Amino acid sequence: MLPTGAKMMTLECGMRFLADHIAGDVYFHISRPGQNLDRARTQFKLVSEMEAHWDEMHQIVARWAK
């Protein structure tokens, strides 16, 4: 469950950054144009990396949950 929660929270954050970028950067403060788009891309890349290491993430949680 923990890996799924981590993935969903990261995906949600990326979606919020992307939505804010599309809406004109009205919610998250930016210091340069395109910053929220970059933030979204970073979050989506992290989700992709989590998926690539999905089994390993589950093994780590299982090992520490004992």
PDB file of N, CA and C in Angstrom:
ATOM      1  N   MET A   1       0.807  -1.202   0.000  1.00  0.00           N
ATOM      2  CA  MET A   1       0.000   0.000   0.000  1.00  0.00           C
ATOM      3  C   MET A   1       0.853   1.270   0.000  1.00  0.00           C
ATOM      4  N   LEU A   2       1.958   1.267   0.725  1.00  0.00           N
ATOM      5  CA  LEU A   2       2.772   2.478   0.783  1.00  0.00           C
ATOM      6  C   LEU A   2       3.305   2.896  -0.583  1.00  0.00           C
ATOM      7  N   PRO A   3       3.819   1.978  -1.392  1.00  0.00           N
ATOM      8  CA  PRO A   3       4.256   2.402  -2.722  1.00  0.00           C
ATOM      9  C   PRO A   3       3.117   3.002  -3.553  1.00  0.00           C
ATOM     10  N   THR A   4       1.931   2.437  -3.438  1.00  0.00           N
ATOM     11  CA  THR A   4       0.788   2.977  -4.184  1.00  0.00           C
ATOM     12  C   THR A   4       0.464   4.384  -3.716  1.00  0.00           C
ATOM     13  N   GLY A   5       0.491   4.602  -2.405  1.00  0.00           N
ATOM     14  CA  GLY A   5       0.232   5.937  -1.868  1.00  0.00           C
ATOM     15  C   GLY A   5       1.263   6.947  -2.338  1.00  0.00           C
ATOM     16  N   ALA A   6       2.529   6.544  -2.322  1.00  0.00           N
ATOM     17  CA  ALA A   6       3.593   7.438  -2.781  1.00  0.00           C
ATOM     18  C   ALA A   6       3.405   7.795  -4.252  1.00  0.00           C
ATOM     19  N   LYS A   7       3.059   6.803  -5.043  1.00  0.00           N
ATOM     20  CA  LYS A   7       2.849   7.040  -6.476  1.00  0.00           C
ATOM     21  C   LYS A   7       1.659   7.967  -6.712  1.00  0.00           C
ATOM     22  N   MET A   8       0.557   7.714  -6.016  1.00  0.00           N
ATOM     23  CA  MET A   8      -0.648   8.525  -6.220  1.00  0.00           C
ATOM     24  C   MET A   8      -0.441   9.973  -5.773  1.00  0.00           C
ATOM     25  N   MET A   9       0.249  10.173  -4.650  1.00  0.00           N
ATOM     26  CA  MET A   9       0.504  11.536  -4.177  1.00  0.00           C
ATOM     27  C   MET A   9       1.413  12.295  -5.148  1.00  0.00           C
ATOM     28  N   THR A  10       2.400  11.601  -5.679  1.00  0.00           N
ATOM     29  CA  THR A  10       3.310  12.223  -6.641  1.00  0.00           C
ATOM     30  C   THR A  10       2.578  12.560  -7.933  1.00  0.00           C
ATOM     31  N   LEU A  11       1.740  11.650  -8.397  1.00  0.00           N
ATOM     32  CA  LEU A  11       0.948  11.896  -9.600  1.00  0.00           C
ATOM     33  C   LEU A  11      -0.019  13.059  -9.388  1.00  0.00           C
ATOM     34  N   GLU A  12      -0.670  13.085  -8.228  1.00  0.00           N
ATOM     35  CA  GLU A  12      -1.602  14.177  -7.926  1.00  0.00           C
ATOM     36  C   GLU A  12      -0.889  15.524  -7.904  1.00  0.00           C
ATOM     37  N   CYS A  13       0.275  15.567  -7.298  1.00  0.00           N
ATOM     38  CA  CYS A  13       1.037  16.814  -7.247  1.00  0.00           C
ATOM     39  C   CYS A  13       1.408  17.266  -8.663  1.00  0.00           C
ATOM     40  N   GLY A  14       1.846  16.338  -9.487  1.00  0.00           N
ATOM     41  CA  GLY A  14       2.170  16.677 -10.870  1.00  0.00           C
ATOM     42  C   GLY A  14       0.972  17.216 -11.623  1.00  0.00           C
ATOM     43  N   MET A  15      -0.181  16.599 -11.397  1.00  0.00           N
ATOM     44  CA  MET A  15      -1.403  17.067 -12.057  1.00  0.00           C
ATOM     45  C   MET A  15      -1.782  18.465 -11.576  1.00  0.00           C
ATOM     46  N   ARG A  16      -1.576  18.745 -10.300  1.00  0.00           N
ATOM     47  CA  ARG A  16      -1.889  20.075  -9.776  1.00  0.00           C
ATOM     48  C   ARG A  16      -0.954  21.131 -10.356  1.00  0.00           C
ATOM     49  N   PHE A  17       0.342  20.804 -10.465  1.00  0.00           N
ATOM     50  CA  PHE A  17       1.284  21.736 -11.087  1.00  0.00           C
ATOM     51  C   PHE A  17       0.898  21.993 -12.540  1.00  0.00           C
ATOM     52  N   LEU A  18       0.540  20.938 -13.266  1.00  0.00           N
ATOM     53  CA  LEU A  18       0.155  21.086 -14.666  1.00  0.00           C
ATOM     54  C   LEU A  18      -1.122  21.908 -14.799  1.00  0.00           C
ATOM     55  N   ALA A  19      -2.111  21.621 -13.966  1.00  0.00           N
ATOM     56  CA  ALA A  19      -3.367  22.380 -14.013  1.00  0.00           C
ATOM     57  C   ALA A  19      -3.121  23.850 -13.709  1.00  0.00           C
ATOM     58  N   ASP A  20      -2.246  24.133 -12.753  1.00  0.00           N
ATOM     59  CA  ASP A  20      -1.949  25.524 -12.414  1.00  0.00           C
ATOM     60  C   ASP A  20      -1.226  26.212 -13.567  1.00  0.00           C
ATOM     61  N   HIS A  21      -0.317  25.503 -14.205  1.00  0.00           N
ATOM     62  CA  HIS A  21       0.374  26.066 -15.375  1.00  0.00           C
ATOM     63  C   HIS A  21      -0.639  26.433 -16.460  1.00  0.00           C
ATOM     64  N   ILE A  22      -1.565  25.525 -16.737  1.00  0.00           N
ATOM     65  CA  ILE A  22      -2.578  25.758 -17.771  1.00  0.00           C
ATOM     66  C   ILE A  22      -3.482  26.925 -17.393  1.00  0.00           C
ATOM     67  N   ALA A  23      -3.774  27.063 -16.090  1.00  0.00           N
ATOM     68  CA  ALA A  23      -4.666  28.132 -15.611  1.00  0.00           C
ATOM     69  C   ALA A  23      -3.972  29.482 -15.501  1.00  0.00           C
ATOM     70  N   GLY A  24      -2.681  29.531 -15.768  1.00  0.00           N
ATOM     71  CA  GLY A  24      -1.972  30.801 -15.718  1.00  0.00           C
ATOM     72  C   GLY A  24      -1.158  31.006 -14.454  1.00  0.00           C
ATOM     73  N   ASP A  25      -0.806  29.929 -13.777  1.00  0.00           N
ATOM     74  CA  ASP A  25       0.039  29.997 -12.576  1.00  0.00           C
ATOM     75  C   ASP A  25      -0.582  30.860 -11.483  1.00  0.00           C
ATOM     76  N   VAL A  26      -1.825  30.553 -11.150  1.00  0.00           N
ATOM     77  CA  VAL A  26      -2.553  31.361 -10.162  1.00  0.00           C
ATOM     78  C   VAL A  26      -2.487  30.801  -8.746  1.00  0.00           C
ATOM     79  N   TYR A  27      -2.087  29.542  -8.570  1.00  0.00           N
ATOM     80  CA  TYR A  27      -2.084  28.946  -7.233  1.00  0.00           C
ATOM     81  C   TYR A  27      -0.671  28.806  -6.674  1.00  0.00           C
ATOM     82  N   PHE A  28       0.192  28.094  -7.393  1.00  0.00           N
ATOM     83  CA  PHE A  28       1.567  27.912  -6.940  1.00  0.00           C
ATOM     84  C   PHE A  28       2.415  29.093  -7.405  1.00  0.00           C
ATOM     85  N   HIS A  29       3.153  29.688  -6.480  1.00  0.00           N
ATOM     86  CA  HIS A  29       4.026  30.818  -6.807  1.00  0.00           C
ATOM     87  C   HIS A  29       5.131  30.348  -7.759  1.00  0.00           C
ATOM     88  N   ILE A  30       5.434  31.167  -8.727  1.00  0.00           N
ATOM     89  CA  ILE A  30       6.533  30.869  -9.648  1.00  0.00           C
ATOM     90  C   ILE A  30       7.520  32.025  -9.634  1.00  0.00           C
ATOM     91  N   SER A  31       8.769  31.718  -9.920  1.00  0.00           N
ATOM     92  CA  SER A  31       9.789  32.761 -10.023  1.00  0.00           C
ATOM     93  C   SER A  31      10.263  32.933 -11.460  1.00  0.00           C
ATOM     94  N   ARG A  32       9.759  32.062 -12.353  1.00  0.00           N
ATOM     95  CA  ARG A  32      10.096  32.186 -13.779  1.00  0.00           C
ATOM     96  C   ARG A  32       8.992  31.525 -14.599  1.00  0.00           C
ATOM     97  N   PRO A  33       8.784  31.989 -15.806  1.00  0.00           N
ATOM     98  CA  PRO A  33       7.766  31.374 -16.672  1.00  0.00           C
ATOM     99  C   PRO A  33       8.079  29.899 -16.921  1.00  0.00           C
ATOM    100  N   GLY A  34       7.047  29.086 -16.907  1.00  0.00           N
ATOM    101  CA  GLY A  34       7.211  27.666 -17.174  1.00  0.00           C
ATOM    102  C   GLY A  34       7.633  26.840 -15.974  1.00  0.00           C
ATOM    103  N   GLN A  35       7.782  27.479 -14.819  1.00  0.00           N
ATOM    104  CA  GLN A  35       8.257  26.749 -13.645  1.00  0.00           C
ATOM    105  C   GLN A  35       7.282  25.650 -13.213  1.00  0.00           C
ATOM    106  N   ASN A  36       5.991  25.933 -13.229  1.00  0.00           N
ATOM    107  CA  ASN A  36       5.028  24.901 -12.843  1.00  0.00           C
ATOM    108  C   ASN A  36       4.985  23.762 -13.858  1.00  0.00           C
ATOM    109  N   LEU A  37       5.213  24.059 -15.112  1.00  0.00           N
ATOM    110  CA  LEU A  37       5.301  23.003 -16.120  1.00  0.00           C
ATOM    111  C   LEU A  37       6.516  22.123 -15.848  1.00  0.00           C
ATOM    112  N   ASP A  38       7.634  22.740 -15.504  1.00  0.00           N
ATOM    113  CA  ASP A  38       8.830  21.972 -15.152  1.00  0.00           C
ATOM    114  C   ASP A  38       8.583  21.125 -13.906  1.00  0.00           C
ATOM    115  N   ARG A  39       7.896  21.695 -12.928  1.00  0.00           N
ATOM    116  CA  ARG A  39       7.569  20.950 -11.714  1.00  0.00           C
ATOM    117  C   ARG A  39       6.704  19.736 -12.048  1.00  0.00           C
ATOM    118  N   ALA A  40       5.723  19.936 -12.918  1.00  0.00           N
ATOM    119  CA  ALA A  40       4.846  18.829 -13.313  1.00  0.00           C
ATOM    120  C   ALA A  40       5.656  17.736 -14.003  1.00  0.00           C
ATOM    121  N   ARG A  41       6.508  18.126 -14.921  1.00  0.00           N
ATOM    122  CA  ARG A  41       7.332  17.144 -15.637  1.00  0.00           C
ATOM    123  C   ARG A  41       8.226  16.362 -14.668  1.00  0.00           C
ATOM    124  N   THR A  42       8.758  17.052 -13.672  1.00  0.00           N
ATOM    125  CA  THR A  42       9.596  16.392 -12.673  1.00  0.00           C
ATOM    126  C   THR A  42       8.798  15.354 -11.897  1.00  0.00           C
ATOM    127  N   GLN A  43       7.587  15.702 -11.499  1.00  0.00           N
ATOM    128  CA  GLN A  43       6.739  14.765 -10.761  1.00  0.00           C
ATOM    129  C   GLN A  43       6.375  13.565 -11.632  1.00  0.00           C
ATOM    130  N   PHE A  44       6.045  13.813 -12.888  1.00  0.00           N
ATOM    131  CA  PHE A  44       5.684  12.713 -13.787  1.00  0.00           C
ATOM    132  C   PHE A  44       6.886  11.798 -14.046  1.00  0.00           C
ATOM    133  N   LYS A  45       8.078  12.373 -14.122  1.00  0.00           N
ATOM    134  CA  LYS A  45       9.297  11.573 -14.279  1.00  0.00           C
ATOM    135  C   LYS A  45       9.500  10.698 -13.046  1.00  0.00           C
ATOM    136  N   LEU A  46       9.244  11.249 -11.867  1.00  0.00           N
ATOM    137  CA  LEU A  46       9.377  10.475 -10.636  1.00  0.00           C
ATOM    138  C   LEU A  46       8.387   9.312 -10.616  1.00  0.00           C
ATOM    139  N   VAL A  47       7.162   9.549 -11.069  1.00  0.00           N
ATOM    140  CA  VAL A  47       6.178   8.460 -11.160  1.00  0.00           C
ATOM    141  C   VAL A  47       6.699   7.370 -12.095  1.00  0.00           C
ATOM    142  N   SER A  48       7.253   7.761 -13.209  1.00  0.00           N
ATOM    143  CA  SER A  48       7.808   6.798 -14.161  1.00  0.00           C
ATOM    144  C   SER A  48       8.935   5.983 -13.527  1.00  0.00           C
ATOM    145  N   GLU A  49       9.788   6.645 -12.755  1.00  0.00           N
ATOM    146  CA  GLU A  49      10.879   5.945 -12.082  1.00  0.00           C
ATOM    147  C   GLU A  49      10.345   5.005 -11.004  1.00  0.00           C
ATOM    148  N   MET A  50       9.293   5.424 -10.309  1.00  0.00           N
ATOM    149  CA  MET A  50       8.668   4.538  -9.324  1.00  0.00           C
ATOM    150  C   MET A  50       8.139   3.281 -10.010  1.00  0.00           C
ATOM    151  N   GLU A  51       7.496   3.457 -11.148  1.00  0.00           N
ATOM    152  CA  GLU A  51       6.960   2.307 -11.882  1.00  0.00           C
ATOM    153  C   GLU A  51       8.077   1.368 -12.333  1.00  0.00           C
ATOM    154  N   ALA A  52       9.207   1.929 -12.705  1.00  0.00           N
ATOM    155  CA  ALA A  52      10.339   1.112 -13.142  1.00  0.00           C
ATOM    156  C   ALA A  52      10.927   0.296 -11.989  1.00  0.00           C
ATOM    157  N   HIS A  53      10.749   0.785 -10.763  1.00  0.00           N
ATOM    158  CA  HIS A  53      11.301   0.119  -9.576  1.00  0.00           C
ATOM    159  C   HIS A  53      10.199  -0.380  -8.649  1.00  0.00           C
ATOM    160  N   TRP A  54       9.039  -0.639  -9.221  1.00  0.00           N
ATOM    161  CA  TRP A  54       7.844  -0.986  -8.443  1.00  0.00           C
ATOM    162  C   TRP A  54       8.048  -2.200  -7.546  1.00  0.00           C
ATOM    163  N   ASP A  55       8.568  -3.276  -8.090  1.00  0.00           N
ATOM    164  CA  ASP A  55       8.777  -4.493  -7.298  1.00  0.00           C
ATOM    165  C   ASP A  55       9.764  -4.244  -6.163  1.00  0.00           C
ATOM    166  N   GLU A  56      10.811  -3.513  -6.457  1.00  0.00           N
ATOM    167  CA  GLU A  56      11.808  -3.192  -5.434  1.00  0.00           C
ATOM    168  C   GLU A  56      11.194  -2.353  -4.317  1.00  0.00           C
ATOM    169  N   MET A  57      10.346  -1.409  -4.661  1.00  0.00           N
ATOM    170  CA  MET A  57       9.681  -0.589  -3.640  1.00  0.00           C
ATOM    171  C   MET A  57       8.837  -1.463  -2.716  1.00  0.00           C
ATOM    172  N   HIS A  58       8.106  -2.408  -3.300  1.00  0.00           N
ATOM    173  CA  HIS A  58       7.281  -3.312  -2.493  1.00  0.00           C
ATOM    174  C   HIS A  58       8.148  -4.193  -1.593  1.00  0.00           C
ATOM    175  N   GLN A  59       9.270  -4.653  -2.109  1.00  0.00           N
ATOM    176  CA  GLN A  59      10.168  -5.490  -1.313  1.00  0.00           C
ATOM    177  C   GLN A  59      10.738  -4.723  -0.126  1.00  0.00           C
ATOM    178  N   ILE A  60      11.099  -3.478  -0.343  1.00  0.00           N
ATOM    179  CA  ILE A  60      11.646  -2.654   0.741  1.00  0.00           C
ATOM    180  C   ILE A  60      10.601  -2.446   1.826  1.00  0.00           C
ATOM    181  N   VAL A  61       9.393  -2.114   1.433  1.00  0.00           N
ATOM    182  CA  VAL A  61       8.320  -1.910   2.413  1.00  0.00           C
ATOM    183  C   VAL A  61       8.044  -3.204   3.173  1.00  0.00           C
ATOM    184  N   ALA A  62       7.983  -4.317   2.461  1.00  0.00           N
ATOM    185  CA  ALA A  62       7.712  -5.602   3.112  1.00  0.00           C
ATOM    186  C   ALA A  62       8.812  -5.952   4.110  1.00  0.00           C
ATOM    187  N   ARG A  63      10.044  -5.668   3.749  1.00  0.00           N
ATOM    188  CA  ARG A  63      11.170  -5.971   4.633  1.00  0.00           C
ATOM    189  C   ARG A  63      11.093  -5.151   5.920  1.00  0.00           C
ATOM    190  N   TRP A  64      10.731  -3.875   5.821  1.00  0.00           N
ATOM    191  CA  TRP A  64      10.689  -3.000   6.990  1.00  0.00           C
ATOM    192  C   TRP A  64       9.381  -3.100   7.764  1.00  0.00           C
ATOM    193  N   ALA A  65       8.373  -3.695   7.178  1.00  0.00           N
ATOM    194  CA  ALA A  65       7.072  -3.811   7.852  1.00  0.00           C
ATOM    195  C   ALA A  65       7.006  -5.017   8.790  1.00  0.00           C
ATOM    196  N   LYS A  66       8.011  -5.858   8.757  1.00  0.00           N
ATOM    197  CA  LYS A  66       8.010  -7.068   9.603  1.00  0.00           C
ATOM    198  C   LYS A  66       8.216  -6.724  11.056  1.00  0.00           C
TER     199      LYS A  66
END
